[in-house]
Amino acid sequence: MKTLKKCALALLMLTAVYSTSLAQESPKNEISISPMYLHYSIHYSQGSNAYYNVYGVEVGYARSIAERLIVEARFGKGYLKGGGETIIFDLKEDEKDFLNYSTWKLGLGYNVINTEKLRLTPQFSFMRTSFTVVRGIFSDGDGTIVQRDVGSQIDISYLVGLKLWNRLGENVGLVTQIAYQPNIGGSEVFVASTGVSFSF
């Protein structure tokens, strides 16, 4: 009986070691850092249009929660430059920050291609963005500006996109992402990023 218990214990230990080695061969976590470009178009109901472009950096964390299913969170900071038929981007120098744009994204994806060297993942993402705008300019009867209302604007977007991962080395990859929101509620969004990821 003691011999049987020892054999069972040895088998259990070997199974644990083997399972650990398998887990190490298939990392479940990924951290990435990527230069980012974003284009946001605003279509007002009266027919006028505005837009802004963002150039920045994103940091992301992705985790495999099933064999091919992944969840990903990304945070980005960038420089925003806007234009069009609107006053919201008419900020004075003392009202501007250099990295005046922040974004949070939470996404869910499925690896339709999942090999050792290549992964292709369609994704659906929720994105929250915030940046400083001119909310209003108020003047007196002579046209002299008496007040400027400046504050944060928050936008919510829902993106459909693709993520492509190419193996560069052991636990290192090149990751490219593109995402798009068609015109929903007067807003149209395109986001692209390419960077390096580390798996563990």
N, C-alpha and C. Protein backbone atom coordinates (compact mmCIF):
# COMPACT_ATOMS: atom_id res chain seq x y z
N MET A 1 0.83 -1.21 0.00
CA MET A 1 0.00 0.00 0.00
C MET A 1 0.86 1.26 0.00
N LYS A 2 1.95 1.24 0.83
CA LYS A 2 2.84 2.39 0.87
C LYS A 2 3.51 2.62 -0.48
N THR A 3 3.89 1.49 -1.13
CA THR A 3 4.51 1.60 -2.45
C THR A 3 3.54 2.21 -3.46
N LEU A 4 2.28 1.81 -3.37
CA LEU A 4 1.25 2.32 -4.27
C LEU A 4 1.04 3.82 -4.05
N LYS A 5 1.04 4.23 -2.78
CA LYS A 5 0.88 5.66 -2.47
C LYS A 5 2.05 6.47 -3.01
N LYS A 6 3.28 5.91 -2.87
CA LYS A 6 4.46 6.60 -3.38
C LYS A 6 4.40 6.75 -4.90
N CYS A 7 3.95 5.68 -5.56
CA CYS A 7 3.83 5.73 -7.03
C CYS A 7 2.78 6.76 -7.46
N ALA A 8 1.66 6.79 -6.72
CA ALA A 8 0.60 7.75 -7.04
C ALA A 8 1.09 9.18 -6.83
N LEU A 9 1.84 9.39 -5.72
CA LEU A 9 2.37 10.72 -5.44
C LEU A 9 3.38 11.15 -6.51
N ALA A 10 4.24 10.20 -6.93
CA ALA A 10 5.22 10.50 -7.97
C ALA A 10 4.53 10.84 -9.28
N LEU A 11 3.47 10.09 -9.61
CA LEU A 11 2.71 10.34 -10.84
C LEU A 11 2.05 11.72 -10.79
N LEU A 12 1.51 12.08 -9.61
CA LEU A 12 0.88 13.38 -9.45
C LEU A 12 1.88 14.52 -9.64
N MET A 13 3.08 14.34 -9.08
CA MET A 13 4.12 15.36 -9.21
C MET A 13 4.57 15.51 -10.66
N LEU A 14 4.72 14.36 -11.36
CA LEU A 14 5.11 14.41 -12.77
C LEU A 14 4.04 15.11 -13.61
N THR A 15 2.77 14.83 -13.29
CA THR A 15 1.66 15.47 -14.01
C THR A 15 1.68 16.98 -13.81
N ALA A 16 1.95 17.41 -12.56
CA ALA A 16 2.00 18.85 -12.26
C ALA A 16 3.14 19.52 -13.01
N VAL A 17 4.31 18.86 -13.04
CA VAL A 17 5.47 19.42 -13.75
C VAL A 17 5.18 19.51 -15.24
N TYR A 18 4.56 18.45 -15.81
CA TYR A 18 4.24 18.44 -17.23
C TYR A 18 3.21 19.53 -17.57
N SER A 19 2.20 19.70 -16.71
CA SER A 19 1.19 20.73 -16.94
C SER A 19 1.80 22.12 -16.89
N THR A 20 2.74 22.33 -15.97
CA THR A 20 3.42 23.62 -15.87
C THR A 20 4.22 23.92 -17.12
N SER A 21 4.90 22.89 -17.65
CA SER A 21 5.70 23.09 -18.86
C SER A 21 4.82 23.42 -20.05
N LEU A 22 3.63 22.81 -20.11
CA LEU A 22 2.70 23.13 -21.19
C LEU A 22 2.24 24.58 -21.08
N ALA A 23 1.96 25.02 -19.86
CA ALA A 23 1.52 26.40 -19.67
C ALA A 23 2.60 27.38 -20.08
N GLN A 24 3.85 27.03 -19.83
CA GLN A 24 4.94 27.92 -20.21
C GLN A 24 5.10 28.00 -21.72
N GLU A 25 4.77 26.89 -22.44
CA GLU A 25 4.89 26.89 -23.89
C GLU A 25 3.79 27.71 -24.54
N SER A 26 2.68 27.93 -23.83
CA SER A 26 1.56 28.68 -24.39
C SER A 26 1.23 29.85 -23.47
N PRO A 27 1.95 30.96 -23.57
CA PRO A 27 1.71 32.10 -22.68
C PRO A 27 0.28 32.62 -22.82
N LYS A 28 -0.33 32.98 -21.71
CA LYS A 28 -1.70 33.47 -21.70
C LYS A 28 -1.78 34.99 -21.61
N ASN A 29 -0.68 35.64 -21.29
CA ASN A 29 -0.67 37.09 -21.09
C ASN A 29 0.20 37.78 -22.14
N GLU A 30 -0.21 39.00 -22.48
CA GLU A 30 0.53 39.78 -23.47
C GLU A 30 0.50 41.26 -23.09
N ILE A 31 1.66 41.88 -23.08
CA ILE A 31 1.78 43.32 -22.86
C ILE A 31 2.35 43.93 -24.14
N SER A 32 1.78 45.05 -24.58
CA SER A 32 2.24 45.67 -25.82
C SER A 32 2.35 47.18 -25.66
N ILE A 33 3.22 47.77 -26.46
CA ILE A 33 3.34 49.22 -26.53
C ILE A 33 3.42 49.60 -28.01
N SER A 34 2.59 50.58 -28.42
CA SER A 34 2.43 50.86 -29.85
C SER A 34 2.23 52.34 -30.12
N PRO A 35 2.92 52.90 -31.12
CA PRO A 35 2.52 54.21 -31.64
C PRO A 35 1.10 54.11 -32.19
N MET A 36 0.31 55.18 -32.03
CA MET A 36 -1.11 55.14 -32.37
C MET A 36 -1.48 56.33 -33.24
N TYR A 37 -2.40 56.08 -34.19
CA TYR A 37 -3.01 57.17 -34.96
C TYR A 37 -4.52 57.01 -34.88
N LEU A 38 -5.23 58.12 -34.67
CA LEU A 38 -6.69 58.08 -34.60
C LEU A 38 -7.26 59.25 -35.40
N HIS A 39 -8.31 58.96 -36.17
CA HIS A 39 -9.03 60.01 -36.90
C HIS A 39 -10.50 59.94 -36.48
N TYR A 40 -11.03 61.09 -36.08
CA TYR A 40 -12.41 61.18 -35.59
C TYR A 40 -13.14 62.24 -36.39
N SER A 41 -14.23 61.85 -37.05
CA SER A 41 -15.03 62.79 -37.84
C SER A 41 -16.35 63.05 -37.12
N ILE A 42 -16.75 64.32 -37.10
CA ILE A 42 -18.00 64.73 -36.46
C ILE A 42 -18.91 65.33 -37.52
N HIS A 43 -20.11 64.77 -37.66
CA HIS A 43 -21.08 65.25 -38.65
C HIS A 43 -22.27 65.86 -37.90
N TYR A 44 -22.37 67.19 -37.92
CA TYR A 44 -23.45 67.86 -37.21
C TYR A 44 -24.74 67.80 -38.01
N SER A 45 -25.87 67.84 -37.29
CA SER A 45 -27.18 67.68 -37.94
C SER A 45 -27.49 68.81 -38.91
N GLN A 46 -26.93 70.00 -38.68
CA GLN A 46 -27.20 71.13 -39.58
C GLN A 46 -26.35 71.11 -40.84
N GLY A 47 -25.51 70.07 -40.99
CA GLY A 47 -24.74 69.92 -42.21
C GLY A 47 -23.28 70.27 -42.11
N SER A 48 -22.85 70.92 -41.03
CA SER A 48 -21.44 71.25 -40.88
C SER A 48 -20.66 70.05 -40.35
N ASN A 49 -19.35 70.10 -40.52
CA ASN A 49 -18.50 68.98 -40.13
C ASN A 49 -17.28 69.47 -39.38
N ALA A 50 -16.74 68.59 -38.55
CA ALA A 50 -15.48 68.85 -37.85
C ALA A 50 -14.73 67.53 -37.76
N TYR A 51 -13.46 67.62 -37.37
CA TYR A 51 -12.66 66.41 -37.28
C TYR A 51 -11.50 66.67 -36.33
N TYR A 52 -10.86 65.59 -35.89
CA TYR A 52 -9.57 65.73 -35.21
C TYR A 52 -8.72 64.50 -35.47
N ASN A 53 -7.41 64.72 -35.47
CA ASN A 53 -6.43 63.65 -35.60
C ASN A 53 -5.63 63.57 -34.31
N VAL A 54 -5.28 62.35 -33.91
CA VAL A 54 -4.50 62.14 -32.69
C VAL A 54 -3.27 61.31 -33.04
N TYR A 55 -2.12 61.76 -32.55
CA TYR A 55 -0.86 61.03 -32.69
C TYR A 55 -0.35 60.74 -31.29
N GLY A 56 -0.20 59.47 -30.95
CA GLY A 56 0.19 59.16 -29.58
C GLY A 56 0.74 57.76 -29.41
N VAL A 57 0.63 57.26 -28.19
CA VAL A 57 1.16 55.94 -27.82
C VAL A 57 0.10 55.21 -27.00
N GLU A 58 -0.03 53.91 -27.27
CA GLU A 58 -0.93 53.05 -26.51
C GLU A 58 -0.15 51.96 -25.79
N VAL A 59 -0.59 51.63 -24.59
CA VAL A 59 -0.07 50.49 -23.84
C VAL A 59 -1.24 49.53 -23.61
N GLY A 60 -1.02 48.25 -23.91
CA GLY A 60 -2.11 47.29 -23.81
C GLY A 60 -1.76 46.05 -23.02
N TYR A 61 -2.80 45.43 -22.46
CA TYR A 61 -2.66 44.14 -21.78
C TYR A 61 -3.76 43.23 -22.29
N ALA A 62 -3.38 42.06 -22.79
CA ALA A 62 -4.33 41.08 -23.30
C ALA A 62 -4.14 39.76 -22.57
N ARG A 63 -5.24 39.04 -22.37
CA ARG A 63 -5.18 37.75 -21.70
C ARG A 63 -6.10 36.76 -22.40
N SER A 64 -5.60 35.55 -22.59
CA SER A 64 -6.41 34.48 -23.15
C SER A 64 -7.28 33.90 -22.04
N ILE A 65 -8.61 33.91 -22.25
CA ILE A 65 -9.53 33.40 -21.24
C ILE A 65 -10.15 32.07 -21.67
N ALA A 66 -9.85 31.65 -22.87
CA ALA A 66 -10.27 30.35 -23.38
C ALA A 66 -9.28 29.97 -24.47
N GLU A 67 -9.53 28.87 -25.17
CA GLU A 67 -8.56 28.39 -26.15
C GLU A 67 -8.25 29.44 -27.21
N ARG A 68 -9.26 30.15 -27.71
CA ARG A 68 -9.05 31.16 -28.75
C ARG A 68 -9.63 32.53 -28.38
N LEU A 69 -10.27 32.63 -27.25
CA LEU A 69 -10.94 33.85 -26.84
C LEU A 69 -10.00 34.72 -25.99
N ILE A 70 -9.90 36.02 -26.34
CA ILE A 70 -9.03 36.92 -25.59
C ILE A 70 -9.80 38.17 -25.17
N VAL A 71 -9.38 38.74 -24.06
CA VAL A 71 -9.90 40.03 -23.61
C VAL A 71 -8.72 40.98 -23.52
N GLU A 72 -8.92 42.23 -23.89
CA GLU A 72 -7.81 43.17 -23.96
C GLU A 72 -8.22 44.55 -23.44
N ALA A 73 -7.33 45.18 -22.69
CA ALA A 73 -7.52 46.55 -22.22
C ALA A 73 -6.34 47.39 -22.72
N ARG A 74 -6.62 48.61 -23.19
CA ARG A 74 -5.58 49.48 -23.72
C ARG A 74 -5.78 50.91 -23.21
N PHE A 75 -4.67 51.57 -22.91
CA PHE A 75 -4.70 52.96 -22.48
C PHE A 75 -3.76 53.76 -23.38
N GLY A 76 -4.22 54.93 -23.80
CA GLY A 76 -3.40 55.74 -24.69
C GLY A 76 -3.39 57.21 -24.32
N LYS A 77 -2.29 57.88 -24.66
CA LYS A 77 -2.16 59.33 -24.53
C LYS A 77 -1.63 59.87 -25.84
N GLY A 78 -2.12 61.05 -26.23
CA GLY A 78 -1.65 61.58 -27.49
C GLY A 78 -1.87 63.08 -27.64
N TYR A 79 -1.36 63.58 -28.76
CA TYR A 79 -1.50 64.99 -29.12
C TYR A 79 -2.64 65.10 -30.12
N LEU A 80 -3.61 65.96 -29.82
CA LEU A 80 -4.79 66.13 -30.67
C LEU A 80 -4.68 67.42 -31.46
N LYS A 81 -5.02 67.32 -32.75
CA LYS A 81 -5.11 68.51 -33.61
C LYS A 81 -6.44 68.46 -34.34
N GLY A 82 -7.27 69.47 -34.12
CA GLY A 82 -8.60 69.46 -34.69
C GLY A 82 -8.84 70.60 -35.65
N GLY A 83 -9.94 70.48 -36.41
CA GLY A 83 -10.30 71.51 -37.37
C GLY A 83 -11.72 71.33 -37.84
N GLY A 84 -12.15 72.17 -38.76
CA GLY A 84 -13.50 72.09 -39.29
C GLY A 84 -14.35 73.27 -38.86
N GLU A 85 -15.64 73.14 -39.07
CA GLU A 85 -16.59 74.23 -38.81
C GLU A 85 -17.09 74.18 -37.37
N THR A 86 -16.21 74.50 -36.43
CA THR A 86 -16.55 74.45 -35.01
C THR A 86 -15.58 75.31 -34.22
N ILE A 87 -16.01 75.74 -33.02
CA ILE A 87 -15.14 76.52 -32.15
C ILE A 87 -14.49 75.66 -31.07
N ILE A 88 -14.84 74.39 -31.01
CA ILE A 88 -14.42 73.59 -29.85
C ILE A 88 -12.91 73.41 -29.76
N PHE A 89 -12.20 73.55 -30.89
CA PHE A 89 -10.75 73.38 -30.88
C PHE A 89 -9.99 74.71 -30.81
N ASP A 90 -10.71 75.82 -30.65
CA ASP A 90 -10.07 77.14 -30.61
C ASP A 90 -9.53 77.45 -29.21
N LEU A 91 -8.61 76.64 -28.76
CA LEU A 91 -8.03 76.81 -27.43
C LEU A 91 -6.87 77.80 -27.46
N LYS A 92 -6.75 78.59 -26.41
CA LYS A 92 -5.58 79.46 -26.26
C LYS A 92 -4.40 78.62 -25.78
N GLU A 93 -3.21 79.19 -25.91
CA GLU A 93 -2.01 78.44 -25.55
C GLU A 93 -2.01 78.01 -24.08
N ASP A 94 -2.51 78.88 -23.20
CA ASP A 94 -2.53 78.53 -21.78
C ASP A 94 -3.64 77.56 -21.42
N GLU A 95 -4.49 77.22 -22.39
CA GLU A 95 -5.57 76.25 -22.16
C GLU A 95 -5.21 74.87 -22.71
N LYS A 96 -4.06 74.77 -23.35
CA LYS A 96 -3.67 73.53 -24.00
C LYS A 96 -2.68 72.74 -23.16
N ASP A 97 -2.77 71.42 -23.23
CA ASP A 97 -1.73 70.51 -22.76
C ASP A 97 -1.14 69.84 -23.99
N PHE A 98 0.16 69.51 -23.95
CA PHE A 98 0.77 68.88 -25.12
C PHE A 98 0.13 67.52 -25.40
N LEU A 99 0.05 66.67 -24.39
CA LEU A 99 -0.64 65.38 -24.53
C LEU A 99 -2.07 65.58 -24.02
N ASN A 100 -2.88 66.16 -24.89
CA ASN A 100 -4.21 66.62 -24.48
C ASN A 100 -5.33 65.63 -24.79
N TYR A 101 -4.97 64.37 -25.00
CA TYR A 101 -5.97 63.37 -25.39
C TYR A 101 -5.70 62.07 -24.65
N SER A 102 -6.74 61.51 -24.04
CA SER A 102 -6.62 60.23 -23.33
C SER A 102 -7.68 59.26 -23.84
N THR A 103 -7.34 58.00 -23.91
CA THR A 103 -8.29 56.99 -24.36
C THR A 103 -8.14 55.69 -23.57
N TRP A 104 -9.28 55.08 -23.28
CA TRP A 104 -9.35 53.75 -22.68
C TRP A 104 -10.14 52.85 -23.61
N LYS A 105 -9.63 51.64 -23.82
CA LYS A 105 -10.36 50.68 -24.65
C LYS A 105 -10.45 49.33 -23.94
N LEU A 106 -11.58 48.69 -24.07
CA LEU A 106 -11.79 47.34 -23.56
C LEU A 106 -12.38 46.51 -24.68
N GLY A 107 -11.71 45.42 -25.05
CA GLY A 107 -12.14 44.65 -26.21
C GLY A 107 -12.20 43.16 -25.96
N LEU A 108 -12.96 42.49 -26.82
CA LEU A 108 -13.10 41.04 -26.79
C LEU A 108 -12.82 40.52 -28.19
N GLY A 109 -11.97 39.51 -28.31
CA GLY A 109 -11.60 39.00 -29.62
C GLY A 109 -11.54 37.49 -29.67
N TYR A 110 -11.51 36.96 -30.91
CA TYR A 110 -11.45 35.51 -31.13
C TYR A 110 -10.40 35.23 -32.19
N ASN A 111 -9.43 34.37 -31.87
CA ASN A 111 -8.34 34.05 -32.80
C ASN A 111 -8.84 33.11 -33.90
N VAL A 112 -9.10 33.65 -35.09
CA VAL A 112 -9.54 32.80 -36.20
C VAL A 112 -8.35 32.06 -36.81
N ILE A 113 -7.17 32.66 -36.71
CA ILE A 113 -5.91 31.99 -37.06
C ILE A 113 -5.04 32.01 -35.82
N ASN A 114 -4.58 30.84 -35.39
CA ASN A 114 -3.85 30.75 -34.13
C ASN A 114 -2.72 29.74 -34.27
N THR A 115 -1.59 30.19 -34.83
CA THR A 115 -0.44 29.32 -35.00
C THR A 115 0.73 29.85 -34.17
N GLU A 116 1.82 29.14 -34.19
CA GLU A 116 2.98 29.54 -33.41
C GLU A 116 3.58 30.85 -33.91
N LYS A 117 3.44 31.13 -35.21
CA LYS A 117 4.06 32.32 -35.79
C LYS A 117 3.08 33.43 -36.15
N LEU A 118 1.78 33.12 -36.16
CA LEU A 118 0.81 34.10 -36.63
C LEU A 118 -0.52 33.94 -35.90
N ARG A 119 -1.10 35.08 -35.51
CA ARG A 119 -2.45 35.09 -34.95
C ARG A 119 -3.24 36.22 -35.59
N LEU A 120 -4.46 35.92 -36.03
CA LEU A 120 -5.36 36.92 -36.59
C LEU A 120 -6.63 36.93 -35.75
N THR A 121 -6.98 38.11 -35.21
CA THR A 121 -8.05 38.19 -34.22
C THR A 121 -9.04 39.30 -34.55
N PRO A 122 -10.25 38.97 -35.03
CA PRO A 122 -11.30 39.99 -35.10
C PRO A 122 -11.68 40.41 -33.67
N GLN A 123 -11.94 41.71 -33.49
CA GLN A 123 -12.23 42.23 -32.16
C GLN A 123 -13.41 43.19 -32.18
N PHE A 124 -14.11 43.23 -31.05
CA PHE A 124 -15.11 44.27 -30.80
C PHE A 124 -14.68 45.02 -29.56
N SER A 125 -14.61 46.36 -29.64
CA SER A 125 -14.05 47.15 -28.54
C SER A 125 -14.97 48.31 -28.16
N PHE A 126 -14.98 48.59 -26.87
CA PHE A 126 -15.60 49.80 -26.32
C PHE A 126 -14.48 50.80 -26.05
N MET A 127 -14.63 52.05 -26.50
CA MET A 127 -13.58 53.05 -26.32
C MET A 127 -14.15 54.32 -25.69
N ARG A 128 -13.46 54.79 -24.66
CA ARG A 128 -13.81 56.05 -24.00
C ARG A 128 -12.66 57.03 -24.21
N THR A 129 -12.97 58.22 -24.72
CA THR A 129 -11.93 59.22 -24.95
C THR A 129 -12.28 60.51 -24.22
N SER A 130 -11.25 61.25 -23.83
CA SER A 130 -11.48 62.55 -23.18
C SER A 130 -10.40 63.54 -23.64
N PHE A 131 -10.81 64.79 -23.80
CA PHE A 131 -9.89 65.84 -24.22
C PHE A 131 -10.52 67.19 -23.90
N THR A 132 -9.70 68.23 -23.87
CA THR A 132 -10.16 69.57 -23.51
C THR A 132 -10.67 70.32 -24.74
N VAL A 133 -11.84 70.96 -24.60
CA VAL A 133 -12.44 71.71 -25.71
C VAL A 133 -12.98 73.04 -25.19
N VAL A 134 -13.30 73.91 -26.15
CA VAL A 134 -14.03 75.14 -25.84
C VAL A 134 -15.52 74.82 -25.92
N ARG A 135 -16.19 74.87 -24.79
CA ARG A 135 -17.62 74.54 -24.77
C ARG A 135 -18.49 75.71 -25.23
N GLY A 136 -17.99 76.92 -24.99
CA GLY A 136 -18.76 78.09 -25.39
C GLY A 136 -17.97 79.37 -25.20
N ILE A 137 -18.31 80.39 -26.00
CA ILE A 137 -17.70 81.72 -25.89
C ILE A 137 -18.85 82.72 -25.76
N PHE A 138 -18.81 83.52 -24.70
CA PHE A 138 -19.90 84.45 -24.41
C PHE A 138 -19.39 85.89 -24.51
N SER A 139 -20.16 86.74 -25.15
CA SER A 139 -19.76 88.14 -25.35
C SER A 139 -20.89 89.08 -24.92
N ASP A 140 -20.53 90.33 -24.69
CA ASP A 140 -21.54 91.33 -24.33
C ASP A 140 -22.14 91.95 -25.60
N GLY A 141 -22.94 92.98 -25.42
CA GLY A 141 -23.62 93.59 -26.56
C GLY A 141 -22.68 94.24 -27.55
N ASP A 142 -21.47 94.59 -27.11
CA ASP A 142 -20.50 95.21 -28.01
C ASP A 142 -19.63 94.19 -28.73
N GLY A 143 -19.84 92.92 -28.46
CA GLY A 143 -19.03 91.88 -29.09
C GLY A 143 -17.76 91.55 -28.34
N THR A 144 -17.58 92.15 -27.16
CA THR A 144 -16.40 91.86 -26.36
C THR A 144 -16.60 90.55 -25.60
N ILE A 145 -15.62 89.65 -25.71
CA ILE A 145 -15.73 88.35 -25.03
C ILE A 145 -15.61 88.55 -23.53
N VAL A 146 -16.60 88.07 -22.80
CA VAL A 146 -16.60 88.22 -21.34
C VAL A 146 -16.36 86.90 -20.63
N GLN A 147 -16.54 85.79 -21.33
CA GLN A 147 -16.34 84.49 -20.67
C GLN A 147 -16.06 83.41 -21.71
N ARG A 148 -15.13 82.53 -21.36
CA ARG A 148 -14.85 81.34 -22.17
C ARG A 148 -15.10 80.11 -21.30
N ASP A 149 -15.94 79.22 -21.78
CA ASP A 149 -16.22 77.99 -21.05
C ASP A 149 -15.36 76.88 -21.64
N VAL A 150 -14.32 76.47 -20.90
CA VAL A 150 -13.37 75.45 -21.35
C VAL A 150 -13.42 74.27 -20.39
N GLY A 151 -13.52 73.07 -20.93
CA GLY A 151 -13.57 71.89 -20.06
C GLY A 151 -13.37 70.61 -20.84
N SER A 152 -13.53 69.50 -20.16
CA SER A 152 -13.28 68.18 -20.76
C SER A 152 -14.51 67.68 -21.51
N GLN A 153 -14.25 67.09 -22.66
CA GLN A 153 -15.31 66.42 -23.42
C GLN A 153 -15.02 64.93 -23.43
N ILE A 154 -16.06 64.13 -23.20
CA ILE A 154 -15.92 62.67 -23.18
C ILE A 154 -16.75 62.09 -24.31
N ASP A 155 -16.12 61.26 -25.13
CA ASP A 155 -16.81 60.57 -26.22
C ASP A 155 -16.74 59.06 -26.00
N ILE A 156 -17.80 58.38 -26.39
CA ILE A 156 -17.87 56.92 -26.32
C ILE A 156 -18.01 56.37 -27.73
N SER A 157 -17.20 55.37 -28.06
CA SER A 157 -17.24 54.76 -29.39
C SER A 157 -17.28 53.24 -29.27
N TYR A 158 -17.81 52.59 -30.31
CA TYR A 158 -17.86 51.13 -30.38
C TYR A 158 -17.19 50.71 -31.68
N LEU A 159 -16.08 49.99 -31.56
CA LEU A 159 -15.22 49.72 -32.70
C LEU A 159 -15.23 48.25 -33.08
N VAL A 160 -15.19 48.00 -34.38
CA VAL A 160 -14.97 46.66 -34.92
C VAL A 160 -13.62 46.67 -35.61
N GLY A 161 -12.77 45.68 -35.31
CA GLY A 161 -11.43 45.73 -35.87
C GLY A 161 -10.75 44.39 -35.99
N LEU A 162 -9.48 44.45 -36.40
CA LEU A 162 -8.64 43.26 -36.56
C LEU A 162 -7.31 43.49 -35.84
N LYS A 163 -6.81 42.42 -35.23
CA LYS A 163 -5.50 42.44 -34.59
C LYS A 163 -4.65 41.35 -35.23
N LEU A 164 -3.46 41.72 -35.71
CA LEU A 164 -2.54 40.77 -36.34
C LEU A 164 -1.27 40.69 -35.51
N TRP A 165 -0.90 39.48 -35.11
CA TRP A 165 0.32 39.25 -34.33
C TRP A 165 1.26 38.38 -35.12
N ASN A 166 2.51 38.84 -35.29
CA ASN A 166 3.56 38.08 -35.98
C ASN A 166 4.70 37.82 -35.01
N ARG A 167 5.15 36.58 -34.95
CA ARG A 167 6.24 36.22 -34.05
C ARG A 167 7.57 36.81 -34.52
N LEU A 168 8.27 37.49 -33.63
CA LEU A 168 9.60 38.02 -33.91
C LEU A 168 10.69 37.20 -33.25
N GLY A 169 10.38 36.61 -32.12
CA GLY A 169 11.34 35.82 -31.36
C GLY A 169 10.62 35.15 -30.21
N GLU A 170 11.37 34.57 -29.30
CA GLU A 170 10.76 33.88 -28.18
C GLU A 170 10.00 34.87 -27.30
N ASN A 171 8.67 34.71 -27.26
CA ASN A 171 7.78 35.55 -26.46
C ASN A 171 7.77 37.02 -26.88
N VAL A 172 8.23 37.32 -28.10
CA VAL A 172 8.22 38.69 -28.62
C VAL A 172 7.51 38.69 -29.98
N GLY A 173 6.63 39.66 -30.20
CA GLY A 173 5.91 39.71 -31.45
C GLY A 173 5.68 41.13 -31.94
N LEU A 174 5.36 41.25 -33.22
CA LEU A 174 4.95 42.51 -33.83
C LEU A 174 3.43 42.50 -33.91
N VAL A 175 2.78 43.46 -33.28
CA VAL A 175 1.32 43.47 -33.23
C VAL A 175 0.79 44.73 -33.93
N THR A 176 -0.15 44.51 -34.85
CA THR A 176 -0.78 45.59 -35.61
C THR A 176 -2.29 45.53 -35.40
N GLN A 177 -2.89 46.68 -35.14
CA GLN A 177 -4.33 46.72 -34.92
C GLN A 177 -4.96 47.84 -35.74
N ILE A 178 -6.10 47.54 -36.32
CA ILE A 178 -6.92 48.57 -36.96
C ILE A 178 -8.35 48.39 -36.47
N ALA A 179 -9.06 49.49 -36.31
CA ALA A 179 -10.44 49.43 -35.82
C ALA A 179 -11.23 50.58 -36.43
N TYR A 180 -12.54 50.37 -36.56
CA TYR A 180 -13.38 51.36 -37.24
C TYR A 180 -14.77 51.38 -36.63
N GLN A 181 -15.30 52.58 -36.50
CA GLN A 181 -16.72 52.76 -36.17
C GLN A 181 -17.36 53.54 -37.30
N PRO A 182 -18.35 52.97 -37.99
CA PRO A 182 -19.05 53.74 -39.02
C PRO A 182 -19.84 54.88 -38.38
N ASN A 183 -20.42 55.71 -39.21
CA ASN A 183 -21.14 56.89 -38.72
C ASN A 183 -22.31 56.47 -37.83
N ILE A 184 -22.12 56.61 -36.52
CA ILE A 184 -23.16 56.30 -35.54
C ILE A 184 -23.39 57.55 -34.70
N GLY A 185 -24.60 58.08 -34.75
CA GLY A 185 -24.92 59.27 -33.97
C GLY A 185 -24.11 60.49 -34.37
N GLY A 186 -23.64 60.53 -35.61
CA GLY A 186 -22.88 61.68 -36.09
C GLY A 186 -21.39 61.58 -35.91
N SER A 187 -20.89 60.43 -35.46
CA SER A 187 -19.45 60.26 -35.23
C SER A 187 -18.91 59.07 -36.01
N GLU A 188 -17.75 59.25 -36.62
CA GLU A 188 -17.08 58.19 -37.38
C GLU A 188 -15.63 58.13 -36.92
N VAL A 189 -15.13 56.92 -36.62
CA VAL A 189 -13.82 56.78 -35.99
C VAL A 189 -12.98 55.74 -36.72
N PHE A 190 -11.68 56.04 -36.88
CA PHE A 190 -10.71 55.08 -37.39
C PHE A 190 -9.48 55.12 -36.49
N VAL A 191 -8.99 53.95 -36.07
CA VAL A 191 -7.83 53.85 -35.19
C VAL A 191 -6.86 52.83 -35.76
N ALA A 192 -5.56 53.13 -35.74
CA ALA A 192 -4.53 52.19 -36.20
C ALA A 192 -3.31 52.29 -35.28
N SER A 193 -2.68 51.15 -35.04
CA SER A 193 -1.46 51.14 -34.22
C SER A 193 -0.59 49.94 -34.60
N THR A 194 0.71 50.10 -34.45
CA THR A 194 1.68 49.02 -34.69
C THR A 194 2.78 49.13 -33.65
N GLY A 195 3.08 48.00 -33.01
CA GLY A 195 4.11 48.03 -31.97
C GLY A 195 4.62 46.65 -31.62
N VAL A 196 5.26 46.56 -30.48
CA VAL A 196 5.90 45.33 -30.02
C VAL A 196 5.13 44.78 -28.83
N SER A 197 4.99 43.44 -28.80
CA SER A 197 4.31 42.80 -27.68
C SER A 197 5.23 41.78 -27.03
N PHE A 198 5.00 41.55 -25.74
CA PHE A 198 5.77 40.59 -24.95
C PHE A 198 4.79 39.64 -24.27
N SER A 199 4.98 38.34 -24.48
CA SER A 199 4.08 37.33 -23.93
C SER A 199 4.71 36.63 -22.73
N PHE A 200 3.87 36.25 -21.79
CA PHE A 200 4.37 35.53 -20.62
C PHE A 200 3.25 34.69 -20.01
